[in-house]
Amino acid sequence: MKLLGRNHIIISVITFVILFLMNYLGNQEADKLERALMTAFAGVIGLSIGLFILNKGKDDKNPPQNFD
């Protein structure tokens, strides 16, 4: 999956919506909108970093020599 490609954007939007709704609907505090937005953005950023690390070595032409 290419970073900032079509599939990444779709997964990011779904992740944002799920995290936002979970935090917004389940919170009774006065600042529930701000907390829900921050948590949803942090989840999407974490997802993007994880996908970047996962795909970093996917097409590596020079694997490490004598790994074991």
N, C-alpha and C. Protein backbone atom coordinates (compact mmCIF):
# COMPACT_ATOMS: atom_id res chain seq x y z
N MET A 1 0.86 -1.18 0.00
CA MET A 1 0.00 0.00 0.00
C MET A 1 0.90 1.23 0.00
N LYS A 2 0.69 2.09 -0.97
CA LYS A 2 1.50 3.30 -1.10
C LYS A 2 1.03 4.34 -0.09
N LEU A 3 1.99 4.98 0.57
CA LEU A 3 1.66 6.03 1.53
C LEU A 3 0.99 7.18 0.80
N LEU A 4 -0.13 7.63 1.29
CA LEU A 4 -0.97 8.67 0.71
C LEU A 4 -1.55 8.27 -0.64
N GLY A 5 -1.69 6.98 -0.85
CA GLY A 5 -2.38 6.49 -2.04
C GLY A 5 -3.87 6.38 -1.75
N ARG A 6 -4.59 5.87 -2.71
CA ARG A 6 -6.04 5.77 -2.59
C ARG A 6 -6.46 4.88 -1.42
N ASN A 7 -5.83 3.71 -1.31
CA ASN A 7 -6.18 2.78 -0.22
C ASN A 7 -5.82 3.35 1.15
N HIS A 8 -4.71 4.04 1.22
CA HIS A 8 -4.29 4.63 2.50
C HIS A 8 -5.28 5.71 2.94
N ILE A 9 -5.74 6.51 2.02
CA ILE A 9 -6.71 7.58 2.36
C ILE A 9 -8.02 6.96 2.84
N ILE A 10 -8.48 5.91 2.18
CA ILE A 10 -9.74 5.26 2.56
C ILE A 10 -9.61 4.67 3.97
N ILE A 11 -8.52 3.97 4.24
CA ILE A 11 -8.32 3.37 5.56
C ILE A 11 -8.17 4.45 6.63
N SER A 12 -7.51 5.56 6.29
CA SER A 12 -7.36 6.66 7.24
C SER A 12 -8.69 7.30 7.59
N VAL A 13 -9.54 7.49 6.59
CA VAL A 13 -10.86 8.08 6.84
C VAL A 13 -11.71 7.15 7.71
N ILE A 14 -11.69 5.87 7.42
CA ILE A 14 -12.46 4.91 8.23
C ILE A 14 -11.94 4.90 9.66
N THR A 15 -10.61 4.90 9.84
CA THR A 15 -10.02 4.93 11.17
C THR A 15 -10.40 6.20 11.92
N PHE A 16 -10.34 7.33 11.23
CA PHE A 16 -10.70 8.60 11.85
C PHE A 16 -12.15 8.59 12.33
N VAL A 17 -13.05 8.13 11.48
CA VAL A 17 -14.48 8.13 11.83
C VAL A 17 -14.75 7.21 13.02
N ILE A 18 -14.17 6.03 13.01
CA ILE A 18 -14.39 5.08 14.11
C ILE A 18 -13.85 5.64 15.42
N LEU A 19 -12.61 6.14 15.41
CA LEU A 19 -12.03 6.68 16.64
C LEU A 19 -12.78 7.91 17.13
N PHE A 20 -13.18 8.77 16.21
CA PHE A 20 -13.91 9.97 16.60
C PHE A 20 -15.24 9.61 17.25
N LEU A 21 -15.99 8.72 16.62
CA LEU A 21 -17.30 8.37 17.17
C LEU A 21 -17.18 7.64 18.50
N MET A 22 -16.18 6.76 18.63
CA MET A 22 -16.00 6.06 19.90
C MET A 22 -15.72 7.04 21.03
N ASN A 23 -14.90 8.04 20.76
CA ASN A 23 -14.53 8.99 21.81
C ASN A 23 -15.59 10.06 22.03
N TYR A 24 -16.28 10.45 20.98
CA TYR A 24 -17.29 11.51 21.12
C TYR A 24 -18.55 11.00 21.80
N LEU A 25 -19.01 9.84 21.39
CA LEU A 25 -20.25 9.31 21.96
C LEU A 25 -20.06 8.73 23.36
N GLY A 26 -18.86 8.26 23.66
CA GLY A 26 -18.64 7.63 24.95
C GLY A 26 -18.08 8.54 26.01
N ASN A 27 -17.98 9.83 25.75
CA ASN A 27 -17.37 10.76 26.70
C ASN A 27 -18.42 11.72 27.23
N GLN A 28 -18.39 11.94 28.53
CA GLN A 28 -19.35 12.85 29.17
C GLN A 28 -18.71 14.15 29.63
N GLU A 29 -17.44 14.35 29.34
CA GLU A 29 -16.73 15.56 29.77
C GLU A 29 -17.16 16.76 28.93
N ALA A 30 -16.81 17.94 29.40
CA ALA A 30 -17.20 19.18 28.72
C ALA A 30 -16.43 19.38 27.41
N ASP A 31 -15.21 18.87 27.34
CA ASP A 31 -14.38 19.06 26.15
C ASP A 31 -14.33 17.81 25.28
N LYS A 32 -15.46 17.14 25.13
CA LYS A 32 -15.46 15.87 24.41
C LYS A 32 -15.14 16.02 22.93
N LEU A 33 -15.49 17.15 22.31
CA LEU A 33 -15.19 17.35 20.89
C LEU A 33 -13.68 17.46 20.67
N GLU A 34 -13.00 18.23 21.50
CA GLU A 34 -11.56 18.40 21.37
C GLU A 34 -10.82 17.09 21.61
N ARG A 35 -11.24 16.36 22.63
CA ARG A 35 -10.60 15.07 22.93
C ARG A 35 -10.82 14.07 21.80
N ALA A 36 -12.02 14.04 21.26
CA ALA A 36 -12.32 13.10 20.18
C ALA A 36 -11.51 13.44 18.93
N LEU A 37 -11.39 14.72 18.61
CA LEU A 37 -10.61 15.12 17.43
C LEU A 37 -9.13 14.80 17.60
N MET A 38 -8.58 15.10 18.79
CA MET A 38 -7.16 14.82 19.02
C MET A 38 -6.88 13.32 18.97
N THR A 39 -7.74 12.53 19.57
CA THR A 39 -7.53 11.08 19.56
C THR A 39 -7.64 10.52 18.15
N ALA A 40 -8.61 10.99 17.37
CA ALA A 40 -8.77 10.50 16.01
C ALA A 40 -7.58 10.89 15.13
N PHE A 41 -7.11 12.14 15.26
CA PHE A 41 -5.92 12.56 14.49
C PHE A 41 -4.69 11.76 14.90
N ALA A 42 -4.53 11.52 16.18
CA ALA A 42 -3.39 10.74 16.65
C ALA A 42 -3.45 9.30 16.13
N GLY A 43 -4.64 8.74 16.06
CA GLY A 43 -4.80 7.39 15.52
C GLY A 43 -4.43 7.32 14.05
N VAL A 44 -4.82 8.31 13.29
CA VAL A 44 -4.50 8.33 11.86
C VAL A 44 -2.99 8.55 11.66
N ILE A 45 -2.38 9.40 12.46
CA ILE A 45 -0.94 9.61 12.36
C ILE A 45 -0.18 8.34 12.73
N GLY A 46 -0.62 7.65 13.78
CA GLY A 46 0.00 6.39 14.17
C GLY A 46 -0.15 5.33 13.09
N LEU A 47 -1.32 5.28 12.48
CA LEU A 47 -1.55 4.33 11.38
C LEU A 47 -0.61 4.63 10.21
N SER A 48 -0.45 5.91 9.88
CA SER A 48 0.42 6.29 8.76
C SER A 48 1.87 5.95 9.05
N ILE A 49 2.33 6.20 10.27
CA ILE A 49 3.70 5.86 10.63
C ILE A 49 3.91 4.35 10.58
N GLY A 50 2.95 3.59 11.08
CA GLY A 50 3.05 2.14 11.04
C GLY A 50 3.09 1.60 9.62
N LEU A 51 2.26 2.14 8.74
CA LEU A 51 2.28 1.70 7.34
C LEU A 51 3.58 2.10 6.64
N PHE A 52 4.11 3.26 6.99
CA PHE A 52 5.39 3.69 6.41
C PHE A 52 6.50 2.72 6.81
N ILE A 53 6.55 2.35 8.08
CA ILE A 53 7.58 1.42 8.56
C ILE A 53 7.37 0.04 7.95
N LEU A 54 6.13 -0.40 7.84
CA LEU A 54 5.84 -1.71 7.27
C LEU A 54 6.25 -1.79 5.81
N ASN A 55 6.00 -0.74 5.05
CA ASN A 55 6.30 -0.76 3.61
C ASN A 55 7.70 -0.28 3.28
N LYS A 56 8.46 0.14 4.27
CA LYS A 56 9.80 0.67 4.03
C LYS A 56 10.71 -0.38 3.40
N GLY A 57 10.70 -1.58 3.90
CA GLY A 57 11.58 -2.62 3.39
C GLY A 57 10.89 -3.62 2.49
N LYS A 58 9.71 -3.30 2.00
CA LYS A 58 8.95 -4.25 1.19
C LYS A 58 9.63 -4.55 -0.13
N ASP A 59 10.11 -3.55 -0.83
CA ASP A 59 10.73 -3.74 -2.14
C ASP A 59 12.25 -3.54 -2.06
N ASP A 60 12.83 -4.03 -0.98
CA ASP A 60 14.26 -3.87 -0.78
C ASP A 60 15.01 -4.84 -1.70
N LYS A 61 15.85 -4.31 -2.56
CA LYS A 61 16.61 -5.15 -3.50
C LYS A 61 17.87 -5.72 -2.86
N ASN A 62 18.31 -5.15 -1.76
CA ASN A 62 19.54 -5.60 -1.10
C ASN A 62 19.23 -6.04 0.33
N PRO A 63 18.77 -7.27 0.52
CA PRO A 63 18.53 -7.73 1.89
C PRO A 63 19.84 -7.87 2.65
N PRO A 64 19.79 -7.87 3.98
CA PRO A 64 21.04 -8.01 4.75
C PRO A 64 21.71 -9.33 4.49
N GLN A 65 23.02 -9.31 4.38
CA GLN A 65 23.80 -10.53 4.09
C GLN A 65 24.06 -11.29 5.39
N ASN A 66 24.02 -12.60 5.33
CA ASN A 66 24.29 -13.48 6.46
C ASN A 66 23.44 -13.09 7.66
N PHE A 67 22.15 -13.03 7.46
CA PHE A 67 21.25 -12.56 8.50
C PHE A 67 21.27 -13.47 9.73
N ASP A 68 21.27 -14.78 9.52
CA ASP A 68 21.28 -15.68 10.67
C ASP A 68 22.70 -16.02 10.99
